[in-house]
Amino acid sequence: MTAQPAEESAELIPRPEMTFPALRAALARVASSRLAEFQADRDSAFTAATQHASFHPIRMFQIKWATEIEIERRPALAARYRAALDAANTLDRDDPKWRAAMDACMAARDEARAAVTGG
């Protein structure tokens, strides 16, 4: 058995189930300032699901917010994501470091999404 690196093993909260109440409760603990955005997205997802007679918008909502929570609940991942995002937002798009920063943002998001979707 191999040990996880200490920086990756630290989690602020356990990974929540992908239900509205569990995601909302987790978000309240790791990024409470985003609760209004969560609620607005939830309302939009339900509206779209009703209009299109499809559960797809609801599933995408769940994956989006589980990914956001995954980033926030893992401090090392959140720090990597924020550093890359800050760089991407301050560098010129012509600067080669901008592309590297964008790639780092996407890698952090992909890592979080894979963790919550199992793939």
C-alpha atoms as a PDB file:
ATOM      1  CA  MET A   1       0.000   0.000   0.000  1.00  0.00           C
ATOM      2  CA  THR A   2       1.342   3.427  -0.906  1.00  0.00           C
ATOM      3  CA  ALA A   3       0.717   6.567   1.052  1.00  0.00           C
ATOM      4  CA  GLN A   4      -0.779   9.638  -0.566  1.00  0.00           C
ATOM      5  CA  PRO A   5       1.337  12.770  -0.484  1.00  0.00           C
ATOM      6  CA  ALA A   6       0.400  14.826   2.591  1.00  0.00           C
ATOM      7  CA  GLU A   7      -0.670  17.823   0.488  1.00  0.00           C
ATOM      8  CA  GLU A   8      -3.230  15.767  -1.452  1.00  0.00           C
ATOM      9  CA  SER A   9      -4.579  13.774   1.496  1.00  0.00           C
ATOM     10  CA  ALA A  10      -5.843  16.837   3.362  1.00  0.00           C
ATOM     11  CA  GLU A  11      -9.534  17.410   2.751  1.00  0.00           C
ATOM     12  CA  LEU A  12     -11.656  20.019   4.471  1.00  0.00           C
ATOM     13  CA  ILE A  13     -14.813  17.896   4.278  1.00  0.00           C
ATOM     14  CA  PRO A  14     -15.720  14.464   2.913  1.00  0.00           C
ATOM     15  CA  ARG A  15     -16.809  14.281  -0.729  1.00  0.00           C
ATOM     16  CA  PRO A  16     -20.590  14.824  -0.726  1.00  0.00           C
ATOM     17  CA  GLU A  17     -23.144  12.676  -2.487  1.00  0.00           C
ATOM     18  CA  MET A  18     -24.425  14.170  -5.732  1.00  0.00           C
ATOM     19  CA  THR A  19     -27.807  15.177  -4.365  1.00  0.00           C
ATOM     20  CA  PHE A  20     -29.051  18.752  -4.113  1.00  0.00           C
ATOM     21  CA  PRO A  21     -29.154  18.775  -0.291  1.00  0.00           C
ATOM     22  CA  ALA A  22     -25.689  17.194   0.047  1.00  0.00           C
ATOM     23  CA  LEU A  23     -24.116  19.502  -2.536  1.00  0.00           C
ATOM     24  CA  ARG A  24     -25.733  22.572  -0.972  1.00  0.00           C
ATOM     25  CA  ALA A  25     -24.573  21.596   2.525  1.00  0.00           C
ATOM     26  CA  ALA A  26     -21.026  20.959   1.282  1.00  0.00           C
ATOM     27  CA  LEU A  27     -20.936  24.243  -0.610  1.00  0.00           C
ATOM     28  CA  ALA A  28     -22.132  26.069   2.497  1.00  0.00           C
ATOM     29  CA  ARG A  29     -19.090  24.702   4.315  1.00  0.00           C
ATOM     30  CA  VAL A  30     -16.398  25.330   1.689  1.00  0.00           C
ATOM     31  CA  ALA A  31     -17.653  28.321  -0.344  1.00  0.00           C
ATOM     32  CA  SER A  32     -20.750  29.812   1.241  1.00  0.00           C
ATOM     33  CA  SER A  33     -20.391  32.990  -0.818  1.00  0.00           C
ATOM     34  CA  ARG A  34     -21.439  30.947  -3.870  1.00  0.00           C
ATOM     35  CA  LEU A  35     -24.779  29.694  -2.490  1.00  0.00           C
ATOM     36  CA  ALA A  36     -26.835  32.239  -4.453  1.00  0.00           C
ATOM     37  CA  GLU A  37     -25.069  31.192  -7.669  1.00  0.00           C
ATOM     38  CA  PHE A  38     -25.767  27.535  -6.804  1.00  0.00           C
ATOM     39  CA  GLN A  39     -29.470  28.273  -6.299  1.00  0.00           C
ATOM     40  CA  ALA A  40     -29.731  30.237  -9.542  1.00  0.00           C
ATOM     41  CA  ASP A  41     -28.028  27.417 -11.450  1.00  0.00           C
ATOM     42  CA  ARG A  42     -30.347  24.895  -9.818  1.00  0.00           C
ATOM     43  CA  ASP A  43     -33.409  26.903 -10.878  1.00  0.00           C
ATOM     44  CA  SER A  44     -32.065  27.147 -14.441  1.00  0.00           C
ATOM     45  CA  ALA A  45     -31.346  23.406 -14.543  1.00  0.00           C
ATOM     46  CA  PHE A  46     -34.867  22.546 -13.420  1.00  0.00           C
ATOM     47  CA  THR A  47     -36.380  24.961 -15.918  1.00  0.00           C
ATOM     48  CA  ALA A  48     -34.311  23.503 -18.763  1.00  0.00           C
ATOM     49  CA  ALA A  49     -35.115  19.948 -17.674  1.00  0.00           C
ATOM     50  CA  THR A  50     -38.822  20.744 -17.718  1.00  0.00           C
ATOM     51  CA  GLN A  51     -38.694  22.538 -21.072  1.00  0.00           C
ATOM     52  CA  HIS A  52     -36.727  19.759 -22.754  1.00  0.00           C
ATOM     53  CA  ALA A  53     -38.246  16.808 -20.873  1.00  0.00           C
ATOM     54  CA  SER A  54     -34.726  15.660 -20.023  1.00  0.00           C
ATOM     55  CA  PHE A  55     -32.730  14.974 -16.887  1.00  0.00           C
ATOM     56  CA  HIS A  56     -29.520  16.017 -18.665  1.00  0.00           C
ATOM     57  CA  PRO A  57     -29.551  19.641 -17.393  1.00  0.00           C
ATOM     58  CA  ILE A  58     -29.949  18.392 -13.825  1.00  0.00           C
ATOM     59  CA  ARG A  59     -27.075  15.915 -14.222  1.00  0.00           C
ATOM     60  CA  MET A  60     -24.838  18.641 -15.666  1.00  0.00           C
ATOM     61  CA  PHE A  61     -25.737  20.896 -12.729  1.00  0.00           C
ATOM     62  CA  GLN A  62     -24.762  18.143 -10.290  1.00  0.00           C
ATOM     63  CA  ILE A  63     -21.444  17.481 -12.034  1.00  0.00           C
ATOM     64  CA  LYS A  64     -20.627  21.192 -12.264  1.00  0.00           C
ATOM     65  CA  TRP A  65     -21.202  21.820  -8.567  1.00  0.00           C
ATOM     66  CA  ALA A  66     -19.632  18.567  -7.391  1.00  0.00           C
ATOM     67  CA  THR A  67     -16.538  19.636  -9.368  1.00  0.00           C
ATOM     68  CA  GLU A  68     -16.547  23.111  -7.791  1.00  0.00           C
ATOM     69  CA  ILE A  69     -16.885  21.569  -4.326  1.00  0.00           C
ATOM     70  CA  GLU A  70     -14.141  19.026  -5.075  1.00  0.00           C
ATOM     71  CA  ILE A  71     -11.736  21.859  -5.834  1.00  0.00           C
ATOM     72  CA  GLU A  72     -12.670  23.779  -2.697  1.00  0.00           C
ATOM     73  CA  ARG A  73     -12.628  20.812  -0.321  1.00  0.00           C
ATOM     74  CA  ARG A  74      -9.019  19.958  -1.281  1.00  0.00           C
ATOM     75  CA  PRO A  75      -6.795  22.893  -0.244  1.00  0.00           C
ATOM     76  CA  ALA A  76      -3.790  21.846  -2.361  1.00  0.00           C
ATOM     77  CA  LEU A  77      -5.945  21.516  -5.475  1.00  0.00           C
ATOM     78  CA  ALA A  78      -7.701  24.817  -4.723  1.00  0.00           C
ATOM     79  CA  ALA A  79      -4.334  26.551  -4.314  1.00  0.00           C
ATOM     80  CA  ARG A  80      -3.056  25.170  -7.635  1.00  0.00           C
ATOM     81  CA  TYR A  81      -6.278  26.176  -9.374  1.00  0.00           C
ATOM     82  CA  ARG A  82      -6.296  29.702  -7.932  1.00  0.00           C
ATOM     83  CA  ALA A  83      -2.626  30.304  -8.734  1.00  0.00           C
ATOM     84  CA  ALA A  84      -3.174  29.219 -12.339  1.00  0.00           C
ATOM     85  CA  LEU A  85      -6.375  31.252 -12.613  1.00  0.00           C
ATOM     86  CA  ASP A  86      -4.677  34.356 -11.182  1.00  0.00           C
ATOM     87  CA  ALA A  87      -1.840  33.958 -13.686  1.00  0.00           C
ATOM     88  CA  ALA A  88      -4.266  33.487 -16.578  1.00  0.00           C
ATOM     89  CA  ASN A  89      -6.183  36.602 -15.534  1.00  0.00           C
ATOM     90  CA  THR A  90      -3.096  38.804 -15.219  1.00  0.00           C
ATOM     91  CA  LEU A  91      -0.963  37.684 -18.147  1.00  0.00           C
ATOM     92  CA  ASP A  92      -1.294  38.911 -21.733  1.00  0.00           C
ATOM     93  CA  ARG A  93      -2.781  36.313 -24.041  1.00  0.00           C
ATOM     94  CA  ASP A  94       0.295  36.764 -26.216  1.00  0.00           C
ATOM     95  CA  ASP A  95       2.556  35.677 -23.345  1.00  0.00           C
ATOM     96  CA  PRO A  96       3.458  31.966 -23.639  1.00  0.00           C
ATOM     97  CA  LYS A  97       2.933  31.682 -19.870  1.00  0.00           C
ATOM     98  CA  TRP A  98      -0.753  32.496 -20.406  1.00  0.00           C
ATOM     99  CA  ARG A  99      -1.309  29.214 -22.294  1.00  0.00           C
ATOM    100  CA  ALA A 100       0.544  27.311 -19.553  1.00  0.00           C
ATOM    101  CA  ALA A 101      -1.663  28.956 -16.917  1.00  0.00           C
ATOM    102  CA  MET A 102      -4.818  28.067 -18.845  1.00  0.00           C
ATOM    103  CA  ASP A 103      -3.608  24.487 -19.216  1.00  0.00           C
ATOM    104  CA  ALA A 104      -2.983  24.335 -15.456  1.00  0.00           C
ATOM    105  CA  CYS A 105      -6.521  25.638 -14.786  1.00  0.00           C
ATOM    106  CA  MET A 106      -8.009  22.997 -17.037  1.00  0.00           C
ATOM    107  CA  ALA A 107      -5.845  20.255 -15.524  1.00  0.00           C
ATOM    108  CA  ALA A 108      -7.053  21.138 -12.017  1.00  0.00           C
ATOM    109  CA  ARG A 109     -10.696  21.188 -13.142  1.00  0.00           C
ATOM    110  CA  ASP A 110     -10.263  17.915 -15.045  1.00  0.00           C
ATOM    111  CA  GLU A 111      -8.715  16.310 -11.957  1.00  0.00           C
ATOM    112  CA  ALA A 112     -11.632  17.438  -9.803  1.00  0.00           C
ATOM    113  CA  ARG A 113     -14.234  16.340 -12.347  1.00  0.00           C
ATOM    114  CA  ALA A 114     -12.622  12.923 -12.733  1.00  0.00           C
ATOM    115  CA  ALA A 115     -12.685  12.491  -8.968  1.00  0.00           C
ATOM    116  CA  VAL A 116     -16.431  13.137  -8.774  1.00  0.00           C
ATOM    117  CA  THR A 117     -17.472  11.255 -11.903  1.00  0.00           C
ATOM    118  CA  GLY A 118     -15.145   8.313 -11.507  1.00  0.00           C
ATOM    119  CA  GLY A 119     -13.500   8.921 -14.823  1.00  0.00           C
END
